[in-house]
Protein backbone atom coordinates (compact mmCIF):
# COMPACT_ATOMS: atom_id res chain seq x y z
CA UNK A 1 0.00 0.00 0.00
CA UNK A 2 1.07 3.58 -0.58
CA UNK A 3 1.05 5.70 2.57
CA UNK A 4 -0.73 9.07 2.31
CA UNK A 5 2.55 10.89 3.01
CA UNK A 6 4.09 9.20 -0.04
CA UNK A 7 1.23 10.45 -2.20
CA UNK A 8 1.60 13.92 -0.70
CA UNK A 9 5.32 13.88 -1.51
CA UNK A 10 4.56 12.67 -5.03
CA UNK A 11 2.12 15.54 -5.53
CA UNK A 12 4.58 18.09 -4.12
CA UNK A 13 7.33 16.83 -6.42
CA UNK A 14 5.04 17.09 -9.44
CA UNK A 15 3.80 20.58 -8.55
CA UNK A 16 7.29 21.93 -7.90
CA UNK A 17 8.76 20.41 -11.06
CA UNK A 18 11.08 17.98 -9.27
CA UNK A 19 9.39 15.23 -11.27
CA UNK A 20 7.24 15.49 -14.37
CA UNK A 21 3.48 15.68 -14.07
CA UNK A 22 1.70 12.33 -14.24
CA UNK A 23 -1.61 13.23 -15.88
CA UNK A 24 -4.47 11.25 -17.36
CA UNK A 25 -6.15 11.75 -20.75
CA UNK A 26 -8.09 14.72 -19.36
CA UNK A 27 -5.00 16.47 -17.95
CA UNK A 28 -5.70 15.64 -14.30
CA UNK A 29 -2.74 14.89 -12.00
CA UNK A 30 -2.81 11.22 -10.99
CA UNK A 31 -1.55 9.89 -7.67
CA UNK A 32 -3.17 6.48 -7.94
CA UNK A 33 -0.90 4.74 -10.43
CA UNK A 34 -0.06 1.94 -7.97
CA UNK A 35 -3.73 1.38 -7.11
CA UNK A 36 -4.62 1.07 -10.79
CA UNK A 37 -2.07 -1.61 -11.64
CA UNK A 38 -3.65 -4.89 -12.79
CA UNK A 39 -2.24 -6.81 -9.81
CA UNK A 40 -3.82 -4.44 -7.29
CA UNK A 41 -7.10 -4.26 -9.20
CA UNK A 42 -7.31 -8.07 -9.26
CA UNK A 43 -6.63 -8.25 -5.51
CA UNK A 44 -9.34 -5.66 -4.81
CA UNK A 45 -11.83 -7.53 -7.00
CA UNK A 46 -11.12 -10.76 -5.11
CA UNK A 47 -11.54 -9.08 -1.73
CA UNK A 48 -14.87 -7.53 -2.76
CA UNK A 49 -16.18 -11.03 -3.50
CA UNK A 50 -15.71 -12.00 0.15
CA UNK A 51 -16.42 -8.64 1.81
CA UNK A 52 -19.02 -8.47 4.55
CA UNK A 53 -19.88 -5.87 7.17
CA UNK A 54 -17.95 -7.92 9.71
CA UNK A 55 -14.71 -8.45 7.78
CA UNK A 56 -14.40 -5.19 5.83
CA UNK A 57 -12.10 -3.55 8.42
CA UNK A 58 -9.57 -6.35 7.97
CA UNK A 59 -9.97 -6.60 4.19
CA UNK A 60 -9.57 -2.85 3.73
CA UNK A 61 -6.68 -2.51 6.23
CA UNK A 62 -8.57 0.21 8.08
CA UNK A 63 -6.26 0.05 11.11
CA UNK A 64 -3.22 0.69 8.88
CA UNK A 65 -4.97 3.53 7.08
CA UNK A 66 -6.11 5.16 10.34
CA UNK A 67 -2.55 5.17 11.71
CA UNK A 68 -1.20 6.56 8.42
CA UNK A 69 -3.67 9.46 8.48
CA UNK A 70 -2.97 10.15 12.17
CA UNK A 71 0.76 10.25 11.50
CA UNK A 72 0.26 12.48 8.46
CA UNK A 73 -1.20 15.09 10.82
CA UNK A 74 1.38 14.57 13.58
CA UNK A 75 -0.45 12.11 15.82
CA UNK A 76 0.47 8.54 16.82
CA UNK A 77 4.10 9.08 15.80
CA UNK A 78 6.36 6.59 17.60
CA UNK A 79 8.81 8.19 20.02
CA UNK A 80 6.82 11.39 20.56
CA UNK A 81 5.76 12.21 24.13
CA UNK A 82 2.44 13.94 23.55
CA UNK A 83 2.09 14.66 27.28
CA UNK A 84 5.34 16.66 27.41
CA UNK A 85 4.95 20.45 27.72
CA UNK A 86 5.67 22.43 24.57
CA UNK A 87 6.22 26.12 23.88
CA UNK A 88 3.25 27.46 21.95
CA UNK A 89 4.17 31.15 21.91
CA UNK A 90 6.93 31.07 19.32
CA UNK A 91 7.72 34.10 17.17
CA UNK A 92 7.36 33.79 13.42
CA UNK A 93 10.77 33.50 11.74
CA UNK A 94 11.97 36.69 10.08
CA UNK A 95 13.17 36.50 6.49
CA UNK A 96 16.89 36.80 6.03
CA UNK A 97 17.98 39.30 3.41
C-alpha atoms as a PDB file:
ATOM      1  CA  UNK A   1       0.000   0.000   0.000  1.00  0.00           C
ATOM      2  CA  UNK A   2       1.071   3.575  -0.582  1.00  0.00           C
ATOM      3  CA  UNK A   3       1.049   5.704   2.570  1.00  0.00           C
ATOM      4  CA  UNK A   4      -0.730   9.071   2.305  1.00  0.00           C
ATOM      5  CA  UNK A   5       2.552  10.889   3.015  1.00  0.00           C
ATOM      6  CA  UNK A   6       4.091   9.197  -0.037  1.00  0.00           C
ATOM      7  CA  UNK A   7       1.232  10.448  -2.204  1.00  0.00           C
ATOM      8  CA  UNK A   8       1.596  13.924  -0.697  1.00  0.00           C
ATOM      9  CA  UNK A   9       5.317  13.883  -1.508  1.00  0.00           C
ATOM     10  CA  UNK A  10       4.565  12.671  -5.026  1.00  0.00           C
ATOM     11  CA  UNK A  11       2.116  15.544  -5.528  1.00  0.00           C
ATOM     12  CA  UNK A  12       4.579  18.093  -4.122  1.00  0.00           C
ATOM     13  CA  UNK A  13       7.331  16.829  -6.420  1.00  0.00           C
ATOM     14  CA  UNK A  14       5.042  17.093  -9.436  1.00  0.00           C
ATOM     15  CA  UNK A  15       3.804  20.577  -8.551  1.00  0.00           C
ATOM     16  CA  UNK A  16       7.292  21.928  -7.899  1.00  0.00           C
ATOM     17  CA  UNK A  17       8.762  20.413 -11.057  1.00  0.00           C
ATOM     18  CA  UNK A  18      11.078  17.982  -9.268  1.00  0.00           C
ATOM     19  CA  UNK A  19       9.385  15.227 -11.268  1.00  0.00           C
ATOM     20  CA  UNK A  20       7.243  15.488 -14.366  1.00  0.00           C
ATOM     21  CA  UNK A  21       3.481  15.682 -14.071  1.00  0.00           C
ATOM     22  CA  UNK A  22       1.698  12.325 -14.243  1.00  0.00           C
ATOM     23  CA  UNK A  23      -1.605  13.229 -15.880  1.00  0.00           C
ATOM     24  CA  UNK A  24      -4.465  11.249 -17.356  1.00  0.00           C
ATOM     25  CA  UNK A  25      -6.154  11.750 -20.748  1.00  0.00           C
ATOM     26  CA  UNK A  26      -8.086  14.719 -19.357  1.00  0.00           C
ATOM     27  CA  UNK A  27      -5.004  16.467 -17.945  1.00  0.00           C
ATOM     28  CA  UNK A  28      -5.702  15.639 -14.296  1.00  0.00           C
ATOM     29  CA  UNK A  29      -2.745  14.891 -12.003  1.00  0.00           C
ATOM     30  CA  UNK A  30      -2.813  11.217 -10.989  1.00  0.00           C
ATOM     31  CA  UNK A  31      -1.548   9.892  -7.674  1.00  0.00           C
ATOM     32  CA  UNK A  32      -3.169   6.476  -7.943  1.00  0.00           C
ATOM     33  CA  UNK A  33      -0.896   4.742 -10.427  1.00  0.00           C
ATOM     34  CA  UNK A  34      -0.063   1.941  -7.967  1.00  0.00           C
ATOM     35  CA  UNK A  35      -3.725   1.381  -7.110  1.00  0.00           C
ATOM     36  CA  UNK A  36      -4.621   1.069 -10.789  1.00  0.00           C
ATOM     37  CA  UNK A  37      -2.072  -1.608 -11.638  1.00  0.00           C
ATOM     38  CA  UNK A  38      -3.650  -4.893 -12.791  1.00  0.00           C
ATOM     39  CA  UNK A  39      -2.243  -6.812  -9.813  1.00  0.00           C
ATOM     40  CA  UNK A  40      -3.820  -4.442  -7.290  1.00  0.00           C
ATOM     41  CA  UNK A  41      -7.102  -4.256  -9.200  1.00  0.00           C
ATOM     42  CA  UNK A  42      -7.312  -8.075  -9.260  1.00  0.00           C
ATOM     43  CA  UNK A  43      -6.626  -8.254  -5.508  1.00  0.00           C
ATOM     44  CA  UNK A  44      -9.341  -5.663  -4.812  1.00  0.00           C
ATOM     45  CA  UNK A  45     -11.829  -7.530  -7.000  1.00  0.00           C
ATOM     46  CA  UNK A  46     -11.118 -10.763  -5.112  1.00  0.00           C
ATOM     47  CA  UNK A  47     -11.544  -9.078  -1.733  1.00  0.00           C
ATOM     48  CA  UNK A  48     -14.870  -7.528  -2.761  1.00  0.00           C
ATOM     49  CA  UNK A  49     -16.176 -11.029  -3.499  1.00  0.00           C
ATOM     50  CA  UNK A  50     -15.706 -11.996   0.152  1.00  0.00           C
ATOM     51  CA  UNK A  51     -16.425  -8.637   1.809  1.00  0.00           C
ATOM     52  CA  UNK A  52     -19.024  -8.468   4.555  1.00  0.00           C
ATOM     53  CA  UNK A  53     -19.876  -5.872   7.169  1.00  0.00           C
ATOM     54  CA  UNK A  54     -17.954  -7.923   9.713  1.00  0.00           C
ATOM     55  CA  UNK A  55     -14.714  -8.446   7.784  1.00  0.00           C
ATOM     56  CA  UNK A  56     -14.397  -5.194   5.826  1.00  0.00           C
ATOM     57  CA  UNK A  57     -12.103  -3.546   8.424  1.00  0.00           C
ATOM     58  CA  UNK A  58      -9.568  -6.348   7.968  1.00  0.00           C
ATOM     59  CA  UNK A  59      -9.966  -6.596   4.194  1.00  0.00           C
ATOM     60  CA  UNK A  60      -9.572  -2.855   3.734  1.00  0.00           C
ATOM     61  CA  UNK A  61      -6.681  -2.514   6.228  1.00  0.00           C
ATOM     62  CA  UNK A  62      -8.569   0.213   8.080  1.00  0.00           C
ATOM     63  CA  UNK A  63      -6.261   0.055  11.105  1.00  0.00           C
ATOM     64  CA  UNK A  64      -3.215   0.686   8.876  1.00  0.00           C
ATOM     65  CA  UNK A  65      -4.972   3.531   7.083  1.00  0.00           C
ATOM     66  CA  UNK A  66      -6.114   5.156  10.343  1.00  0.00           C
ATOM     67  CA  UNK A  67      -2.553   5.174  11.714  1.00  0.00           C
ATOM     68  CA  UNK A  68      -1.203   6.559   8.423  1.00  0.00           C
ATOM     69  CA  UNK A  69      -3.667   9.464   8.484  1.00  0.00           C
ATOM     70  CA  UNK A  70      -2.974  10.146  12.168  1.00  0.00           C
ATOM     71  CA  UNK A  71       0.765  10.251  11.502  1.00  0.00           C
ATOM     72  CA  UNK A  72       0.264  12.480   8.460  1.00  0.00           C
ATOM     73  CA  UNK A  73      -1.204  15.090  10.823  1.00  0.00           C
ATOM     74  CA  UNK A  74       1.377  14.573  13.578  1.00  0.00           C
ATOM     75  CA  UNK A  75      -0.447  12.109  15.816  1.00  0.00           C
ATOM     76  CA  UNK A  76       0.469   8.539  16.817  1.00  0.00           C
ATOM     77  CA  UNK A  77       4.099   9.082  15.800  1.00  0.00           C
ATOM     78  CA  UNK A  78       6.359   6.595  17.604  1.00  0.00           C
ATOM     79  CA  UNK A  79       8.814   8.194  20.025  1.00  0.00           C
ATOM     80  CA  UNK A  80       6.817  11.386  20.559  1.00  0.00           C
ATOM     81  CA  UNK A  81       5.760  12.210  24.133  1.00  0.00           C
ATOM     82  CA  UNK A  82       2.441  13.942  23.551  1.00  0.00           C
ATOM     83  CA  UNK A  83       2.088  14.658  27.284  1.00  0.00           C
ATOM     84  CA  UNK A  84       5.339  16.662  27.406  1.00  0.00           C
ATOM     85  CA  UNK A  85       4.945  20.447  27.720  1.00  0.00           C
ATOM     86  CA  UNK A  86       5.673  22.431  24.571  1.00  0.00           C
ATOM     87  CA  UNK A  87       6.220  26.117  23.879  1.00  0.00           C
ATOM     88  CA  UNK A  88       3.254  27.458  21.953  1.00  0.00           C
ATOM     89  CA  UNK A  89       4.172  31.153  21.909  1.00  0.00           C
ATOM     90  CA  UNK A  90       6.931  31.065  19.324  1.00  0.00           C
ATOM     91  CA  UNK A  91       7.716  34.103  17.172  1.00  0.00           C
ATOM     92  CA  UNK A  92       7.359  33.793  13.417  1.00  0.00           C
ATOM     93  CA  UNK A  93      10.775  33.498  11.737  1.00  0.00           C
ATOM     94  CA  UNK A  94      11.971  36.690  10.078  1.00  0.00           C
ATOM     95  CA  UNK A  95      13.171  36.497   6.495  1.00  0.00           C
ATOM     96  CA  UNK A  96      16.894  36.802   6.030  1.00  0.00           C
ATOM     97  CA  UNK A  97      17.983  39.299   3.409  1.00  0.00           C
END
